[in-house]
């Protein structure tokens, strides 16, 4: 199995072991094109309809968070994880499991809101500069907290 799949499987396994109420996998994007910039929040339909809803809540909160440091991403979307084009299909981080060789076996986090976030590109000079500024991390942390609080109605 591909290393990325194994790592994702371990992440989802930890969430299952902890009986998590939700899962947010924090990432930054990268591209061979330094002009690539923007935000994508991935979810998996196989885990339940709450995932797309939670992805939208996270996206909106992170857009607001980045606005607080004066940045508006050129795009901010939610996307079903099957669109990424991984050899194994859906992301293991979002609870998806496969039998070798990459036969979908199901989602282990059905009913648990689960997303993988990529709010900025590490390979874009402007977005990289944001990542070099602690205020961006503080703003993103507040954004994640706002999203979780909104999700749980706080």
Protein backbone atom coordinates (compact mmCIF):
# COMPACT_ATOMS: atom_id res chain seq x y z
CA UNK A 1 0.00 0.00 0.00
CA UNK A 2 1.06 3.58 -0.63
CA UNK A 3 2.60 5.40 2.35
CA UNK A 4 0.00 8.18 2.21
CA UNK A 5 -2.76 5.60 2.48
CA UNK A 6 -1.12 3.89 5.46
CA UNK A 7 -0.61 7.21 7.28
CA UNK A 8 -4.21 8.19 6.63
CA UNK A 9 -5.43 4.82 7.85
CA UNK A 10 -3.50 5.33 11.10
CA UNK A 11 -5.04 8.80 11.55
CA UNK A 12 -8.56 7.47 11.10
CA UNK A 13 -7.79 4.55 13.42
CA UNK A 14 -6.77 7.02 16.14
CA UNK A 15 -10.06 8.89 15.73
CA UNK A 16 -11.95 5.61 16.01
CA UNK A 17 -9.97 4.53 19.08
CA UNK A 18 -10.73 7.87 20.74
CA UNK A 19 -14.43 7.66 19.82
CA UNK A 20 -14.05 11.11 18.28
CA UNK A 21 -17.06 13.34 17.72
CA UNK A 22 -15.42 14.72 14.58
CA UNK A 23 -12.17 14.61 12.63
CA UNK A 24 -10.30 17.53 11.09
CA UNK A 25 -7.10 16.58 9.29
CA UNK A 26 -4.91 19.69 8.92
CA UNK A 27 -2.81 20.01 5.77
CA UNK A 28 -1.38 22.62 3.41
CA UNK A 29 -1.42 22.18 -0.34
CA UNK A 30 1.47 22.16 -2.77
CA UNK A 31 1.96 22.34 -6.50
CA UNK A 32 4.72 22.39 -9.07
CA UNK A 33 3.10 25.63 -10.25
CA UNK A 34 4.08 28.39 -7.80
CA UNK A 35 1.08 30.44 -8.93
CA UNK A 36 -1.34 27.82 -7.58
CA UNK A 37 -3.18 29.22 -4.58
CA UNK A 38 -6.48 28.79 -2.79
CA UNK A 39 -8.37 26.68 -0.31
CA UNK A 40 -9.93 23.24 -0.61
CA UNK A 41 -11.75 21.36 2.12
CA UNK A 42 -12.17 17.67 1.28
CA UNK A 43 -14.90 15.38 2.57
CA UNK A 44 -16.12 11.89 1.68
CA UNK A 45 -19.72 11.11 0.81
CA UNK A 46 -19.19 7.48 1.84
CA UNK A 47 -18.95 8.64 5.46
CA UNK A 48 -22.34 10.35 5.42
CA UNK A 49 -24.01 13.54 4.30
CA UNK A 50 -22.80 15.39 7.40
CA UNK A 51 -19.31 15.50 5.88
CA UNK A 52 -20.24 17.90 3.07
CA UNK A 53 -22.12 20.06 5.57
CA UNK A 54 -19.19 20.11 7.99
CA UNK A 55 -16.80 20.91 5.13
CA UNK A 56 -18.86 24.00 4.28
CA UNK A 57 -18.81 25.15 7.91
CA UNK A 58 -15.03 24.71 8.07
CA UNK A 59 -14.51 26.47 4.73
CA UNK A 60 -16.56 29.49 5.75
CA UNK A 61 -14.80 29.79 9.10
CA UNK A 62 -11.34 29.54 7.51
CA UNK A 63 -12.21 32.13 4.85
CA UNK A 64 -13.24 34.48 7.68
CA UNK A 65 -10.05 33.63 9.56
CA UNK A 66 -7.84 34.47 6.60
CA UNK A 67 -9.79 37.68 6.02
CA UNK A 68 -8.86 38.70 9.56
CA UNK A 69 -5.20 38.75 8.47
CA UNK A 70 -6.03 40.58 5.26
CA UNK A 71 -6.02 37.64 2.85
CA UNK A 72 -8.74 36.45 0.51
CA UNK A 73 -7.92 33.15 -1.20
CA UNK A 74 -8.53 33.14 -4.97
CA UNK A 75 -10.92 30.26 -4.42
CA UNK A 76 -12.38 28.46 -1.41
CA UNK A 77 -14.22 25.25 -2.20
CA UNK A 78 -15.37 22.02 -0.69
CA UNK A 79 -14.75 18.89 -2.74
CA UNK A 80 -15.55 15.21 -2.48
CA UNK A 81 -12.26 13.42 -1.86
CA UNK A 82 -12.71 11.02 -4.76
CA UNK A 83 -11.95 13.95 -7.08
CA UNK A 84 -8.31 14.08 -5.94
CA UNK A 85 -7.31 11.21 -8.19
CA UNK A 86 -5.40 9.03 -5.75
CA UNK A 87 -4.63 5.53 -7.03
CA UNK A 88 -6.64 4.09 -4.16
CA UNK A 89 -9.61 6.44 -4.59
CA UNK A 90 -10.99 7.98 -1.41
CA UNK A 91 -8.68 9.22 1.35
CA UNK A 92 -7.98 6.82 4.19
CA UNK A 93 -7.69 9.81 6.54
CA UNK A 94 -11.42 10.34 6.12
CA UNK A 95 -12.15 6.80 7.27
CA UNK A 96 -12.03 4.94 3.98
CA UNK A 97 -10.61 1.43 3.94
CA UNK A 98 -9.48 -0.75 1.07
CA UNK A 99 -8.71 -4.39 0.56
CA UNK A 100 -5.57 -4.98 -1.47
CA UNK A 101 -5.17 -3.97 -4.20
CA UNK A 102 -7.34 -0.89 -3.70
CA UNK A 103 -10.79 -2.44 -3.64
CA UNK A 104 -13.04 -0.13 -1.63
CA UNK A 105 -14.14 -1.92 1.55
CA UNK A 106 -16.13 0.89 3.17
CA UNK A 107 -15.88 3.92 5.39
CA UNK A 108 -14.97 3.37 9.05
CA UNK A 109 -16.17 6.81 10.19
CA UNK A 110 -19.77 6.66 8.98
CA UNK A 111 -21.73 9.31 10.83
CA UNK A 112 -18.66 11.11 12.20
CA UNK A 113 -18.06 14.49 10.54
CA UNK A 114 -14.65 14.20 8.88
CA UNK A 115 -12.75 16.64 6.67
CA UNK A 116 -9.25 17.18 5.34
CA UNK A 117 -8.35 20.85 5.09
CA UNK A 118 -5.88 22.58 2.78
CA UNK A 119 -6.38 26.30 3.46
CA UNK A 120 -3.15 27.53 1.81
CA UNK A 121 -0.45 26.45 -0.66
CA UNK A 122 3.03 26.11 0.83
CA UNK A 123 4.45 26.44 -2.69
CA UNK A 124 2.83 29.80 -3.49
CA UNK A 125 5.08 32.72 -2.44
CA UNK A 126 2.23 34.86 -1.10
CA UNK A 127 0.58 32.03 0.80
CA UNK A 128 3.97 30.81 2.03
CA UNK A 129 4.59 34.28 3.46
CA UNK A 130 1.33 33.94 5.37
CA UNK A 131 2.52 30.61 6.74
CA UNK A 132 5.69 32.31 7.96
CA UNK A 133 3.60 34.69 10.07
CA UNK A 134 2.39 33.50 13.47
CA UNK A 135 -0.71 35.68 13.17
CA UNK A 136 -1.89 33.46 10.31
CA UNK A 137 -1.63 30.35 12.47
CA UNK A 138 -3.45 32.14 15.28
CA UNK A 139 -6.20 33.21 12.89
CA UNK A 140 -6.55 29.71 11.43
CA UNK A 141 -6.72 28.23 14.94
CA UNK A 142 -9.52 30.67 15.77
CA UNK A 143 -11.21 29.68 12.52
CA UNK A 144 -11.08 25.98 13.33
CA UNK A 145 -12.42 26.68 16.82
CA UNK A 146 -15.23 28.83 15.42
CA UNK A 147 -16.17 26.04 13.01
CA UNK A 148 -16.22 23.39 15.73
CA UNK A 149 -18.27 25.65 18.00
CA UNK A 150 -20.69 26.41 15.16
CA UNK A 151 -21.00 22.70 14.37
CA UNK A 152 -21.87 21.86 17.95
CA UNK A 153 -24.14 24.90 18.30
CA UNK A 154 -22.04 26.82 20.79
